[in-house]
Protein backbone atom coordinates (compact mmCIF):
# COMPACT_ATOMS: atom_id res chain seq x y z
CA MET A 1 0.00 0.00 0.00
CA ILE A 2 2.77 2.48 0.92
CA LEU A 3 4.70 1.67 -2.27
CA PHE A 4 1.55 2.29 -4.35
CA TRP A 5 0.93 5.62 -2.58
CA LYS A 6 4.54 6.77 -3.16
CA GLU A 7 4.29 5.84 -6.85
CA PHE A 8 0.96 7.70 -7.13
CA VAL A 9 2.40 10.84 -5.48
CA ASP A 10 5.55 10.72 -7.62
CA THR A 11 3.49 10.30 -10.79
CA TYR A 12 1.12 13.10 -9.82
CA ILE A 13 3.99 15.49 -9.02
CA ASP A 14 5.69 14.65 -12.32
CA TYR A 15 2.46 15.38 -14.17
CA ALA A 16 1.66 18.58 -12.28
CA PHE A 17 5.13 20.14 -12.54
CA ASN A 18 6.48 18.63 -15.77
CA LYS A 19 4.14 16.91 -18.21
CA SER A 20 1.14 19.24 -17.88
CA VAL A 21 3.22 22.31 -18.76
CA GLU A 22 5.68 20.71 -21.17
CA LYS A 23 4.21 22.16 -24.40
CA VAL A 24 3.82 25.66 -22.98
CA PHE A 25 7.30 25.58 -21.47
CA GLU A 26 8.88 24.39 -24.72
CA GLU A 27 7.26 27.29 -26.62
CA PHE A 28 8.44 29.74 -23.96
CA LYS A 29 11.95 28.27 -24.07
CA ARG A 30 12.04 28.48 -27.87
CA GLY A 31 11.04 32.15 -27.79
CA PHE A 32 13.36 32.93 -24.88
CA PHE A 33 16.40 31.55 -26.68
CA LYS A 34 15.53 33.55 -29.78
CA VAL A 35 16.37 36.71 -27.84
CA CYS A 36 18.92 35.36 -25.33
CA SER A 37 22.08 33.43 -26.09
CA ARG A 38 22.22 29.98 -24.50
CA ASP A 39 25.87 30.56 -23.56
CA GLY A 40 25.00 33.86 -21.91
CA VAL A 41 22.13 32.33 -19.93
CA GLU A 42 24.27 29.42 -18.69
CA PHE A 43 26.80 31.93 -17.34
CA PHE A 44 24.37 33.10 -14.61
CA GLN A 45 22.95 31.50 -11.49
CA PRO A 46 19.10 31.56 -11.50
CA GLU A 47 18.75 34.60 -9.20
CA GLU A 48 21.41 36.51 -11.15
CA LEU A 49 19.61 35.77 -14.41
CA ARG A 50 16.35 36.97 -12.92
CA GLY A 51 18.02 40.23 -11.89
CA VAL A 52 19.49 40.71 -15.35
CA MET A 53 16.19 39.99 -17.08
CA VAL A 54 13.71 41.89 -14.93
CA GLY A 55 15.88 44.17 -12.81
CA GLN A 56 15.72 44.76 -9.13
CA GLU A 57 13.57 47.27 -7.34
CA PHE A 58 15.39 50.58 -7.11
CA THR A 59 15.20 52.43 -3.81
CA ASP A 60 18.51 54.28 -3.54
CA TRP A 61 16.98 57.69 -4.02
CA ASN A 62 20.26 59.56 -3.51
CA VAL A 63 21.87 57.67 -6.38
CA MET A 64 18.85 58.47 -8.54
CA LYS A 65 19.06 62.14 -7.59
CA GLN A 66 22.82 62.34 -8.23
CA ASN A 67 22.55 60.64 -11.62
CA THR A 68 19.43 62.23 -13.01
CA VAL A 69 20.07 63.93 -16.35
CA TYR A 70 18.32 67.26 -16.91
CA GLU A 71 17.57 68.71 -20.33
CA GLY A 72 17.02 72.14 -21.80
CA GLU A 73 16.95 74.99 -19.32
CA TYR A 74 16.76 72.62 -16.34
CA SER A 75 19.72 71.74 -14.14
CA GLU A 76 20.14 70.59 -10.55
CA THR A 77 20.28 74.27 -9.50
CA HIS A 78 17.06 75.29 -11.28
CA PRO A 79 14.41 76.43 -8.72
CA THR A 80 11.84 73.95 -10.07
CA ILE A 81 14.25 71.05 -9.71
CA ILE A 82 15.28 72.12 -6.21
CA THR A 83 11.62 72.29 -5.18
CA PHE A 84 10.88 68.93 -6.79
CA TRP A 85 13.63 67.18 -4.80
CA GLU A 86 12.60 68.90 -1.56
CA VAL A 87 9.05 67.58 -1.99
CA PHE A 88 10.21 64.15 -3.20
CA ASP A 89 12.54 63.76 -0.19
CA GLU A 90 9.57 64.28 2.16
CA LEU A 91 7.59 61.41 0.63
CA THR A 92 7.47 58.01 2.30
CA GLU A 93 9.12 55.03 0.56
CA ASP A 94 5.73 53.82 -0.66
CA GLU A 95 4.79 57.28 -1.96
CA LYS A 96 8.11 57.55 -3.84
CA LYS A 97 7.51 54.19 -5.50
CA ARG A 98 3.94 55.13 -6.44
CA PHE A 99 5.17 58.46 -7.80
CA LEU A 100 7.71 56.71 -10.02
CA TRP A 101 5.06 54.22 -11.15
CA CYS A 102 2.76 57.08 -12.13
CA GLY A 103 5.50 59.02 -13.89
CA THR A 104 7.07 56.15 -15.82
CA ASP A 105 4.31 53.50 -16.10
CA ARG A 106 6.62 51.14 -14.20
CA ILE A 107 8.67 51.12 -11.04
CA ALA A 108 12.23 52.18 -11.79
CA LYS A 109 14.41 49.11 -12.21
CA VAL A 110 18.17 48.87 -12.12
CA ARG A 111 19.95 46.02 -13.83
CA VAL A 112 22.19 43.81 -11.70
CA GLY A 113 25.70 45.21 -11.69
CA CYS A 114 24.66 48.77 -12.42
CA THR A 115 25.19 51.34 -9.72
CA GLN A 116 23.70 54.30 -11.53
CA TYR A 117 20.29 55.30 -12.76
CA ARG A 118 20.14 57.64 -15.70
CA GLY A 119 16.73 59.25 -15.72
CA LYS A 120 15.50 61.49 -18.49
């Protein structure tokens, strides 16, 4: 009875995590390797690859401030920019993230290995 139960559980797990998604996974894998080199992917550990592909949440606001690029008449000494950073610095972490989401349609992401954010 125990041997039967173990075989049933093993077969069910194999189906749930492998066989039932095999076709979908193969299509995903085919598309993924069209845009990513197999050699490049094998270079990374899984968490490193995830960071490279989707980025990591950016919350070093001082780095963002120091590396923001201003255009036209604006510079870090422009009164509007000074006021913006004064207000931004008073926001909570959650409010800063929501502000960036609203302003960029996505939370700012920084690729693994990058230490700077170049905003425009």
